[in-house]
Amino acid sequence: MEKYDRLWTTTWIFFFGSLGLSLISIPSWMDFKVPLVENRLLFALLYAVVGGTIFTYFLNIWTLARAKSSSVAIFVYLQPLVAIPIA
């Protein structure tokens, strides 16, 4: 993680993940109908994607570049304690 840019590493992780999930979900697209989305729900979705996912991946990668991986492994156990109040 010290060798590559954190932002691009996060971008590539999400790109390949979304590609794989898109391929798996192709059969479900046939029956999908676009629902009516309220502004409040749209804000919650945006917060979940940006704040809860992209930002946390970026922070993990940022920390891995500056600390020992054995120290960063502790964060896995702390994530539920942070996620519960946010949820």
Protein backbone atom coordinates (compact mmCIF):
# COMPACT_ATOMS: atom_id res chain seq x y z
CA MET A 1 0.00 0.00 0.00
CA GLU A 2 2.98 2.32 0.34
CA LYS A 3 3.74 1.95 -3.37
CA TYR A 4 0.35 2.92 -4.86
CA ASP A 5 -1.94 5.92 -4.43
CA ARG A 6 -4.71 5.26 -1.89
CA LEU A 7 -7.45 6.90 -3.95
CA TRP A 8 -6.67 4.83 -7.05
CA THR A 9 -6.38 1.64 -5.01
CA THR A 10 -9.86 2.26 -3.58
CA THR A 11 -11.17 3.09 -7.05
CA TRP A 12 -9.87 -0.17 -8.55
CA ILE A 13 -11.21 -2.24 -5.64
CA PHE A 14 -14.69 -0.85 -6.22
CA PHE A 15 -14.43 -1.11 -10.00
CA PHE A 16 -13.62 -4.82 -9.99
CA GLY A 17 -16.12 -5.51 -7.22
CA SER A 18 -18.91 -3.77 -9.10
CA LEU A 19 -18.01 -5.59 -12.30
CA GLY A 20 -18.27 -8.98 -10.60
CA LEU A 21 -21.52 -8.13 -8.84
CA SER A 22 -23.01 -6.74 -12.06
CA LEU A 23 -22.33 -10.00 -13.86
CA ILE A 24 -23.92 -12.03 -11.06
CA SER A 25 -27.03 -9.81 -10.97
CA ILE A 26 -27.82 -9.84 -14.71
CA PRO A 27 -30.73 -12.32 -14.32
CA SER A 28 -32.40 -10.04 -11.74
CA TRP A 29 -32.37 -7.09 -14.14
CA MET A 30 -35.09 -8.65 -16.28
CA ASP A 31 -37.79 -8.16 -13.60
CA PHE A 32 -36.56 -4.83 -12.17
CA LYS A 33 -38.86 -1.81 -12.16
CA VAL A 34 -37.48 1.59 -11.10
CA PRO A 35 -39.17 2.66 -7.85
CA LEU A 36 -40.11 6.19 -6.85
CA VAL A 37 -37.25 7.56 -4.74
CA GLU A 38 -37.74 10.31 -2.16
CA ASN A 39 -34.97 12.83 -1.45
CA ARG A 40 -34.51 11.46 2.07
CA LEU A 41 -33.91 7.95 0.76
CA LEU A 42 -31.55 9.27 -1.90
CA PHE A 43 -29.51 11.06 0.77
CA ALA A 44 -29.39 7.86 2.88
CA LEU A 45 -28.19 5.84 -0.12
CA LEU A 46 -25.52 8.39 -0.94
CA TYR A 47 -24.37 8.47 2.69
CA ALA A 48 -24.20 4.67 2.83
CA VAL A 49 -22.12 4.45 -0.35
CA VAL A 50 -19.79 7.40 0.21
CA GLY A 51 -19.57 7.64 3.99
CA GLY A 52 -20.04 4.05 5.01
CA THR A 53 -18.16 2.31 2.24
CA ILE A 54 -15.80 4.41 0.12
CA PHE A 55 -14.58 6.59 3.00
CA THR A 56 -13.93 3.60 5.28
CA TYR A 57 -12.04 1.71 2.56
CA PHE A 58 -9.97 4.81 1.94
CA LEU A 59 -9.21 5.16 5.66
CA ASN A 60 -8.17 1.49 5.90
CA ILE A 61 -5.82 1.85 2.96
CA TRP A 62 -4.46 5.14 4.34
CA THR A 63 -3.78 3.45 7.68
CA LEU A 64 -2.15 0.41 6.06
CA ALA A 65 0.31 2.73 4.32
CA ARG A 66 1.38 4.23 7.66
CA ALA A 67 1.12 1.44 10.23
CA LYS A 68 2.01 -2.22 10.59
CA SER A 69 -0.58 -4.58 9.16
CA SER A 70 -0.80 -6.40 12.50
CA SER A 71 -1.89 -3.14 14.15
CA VAL A 72 -4.43 -2.42 11.43
CA ALA A 73 -5.96 -5.88 11.88
CA ILE A 74 -7.38 -4.67 15.20
CA PHE A 75 -9.68 -2.33 13.24
CA VAL A 76 -11.68 -5.33 12.02
CA TYR A 77 -12.86 -5.88 15.57
CA LEU A 78 -13.55 -2.17 16.15
CA GLN A 79 -15.65 -1.67 13.01
CA PRO A 80 -18.90 -3.06 14.51
CA LEU A 81 -18.50 -0.76 17.50
CA VAL A 82 -18.31 2.23 15.17
CA ALA A 83 -20.99 0.97 12.75
CA ILE A 84 -23.68 0.34 15.40
CA PRO A 85 -24.03 3.99 16.53
CA ILE A 86 -23.90 5.21 12.93
CA ALA A 87 -26.65 2.79 11.89
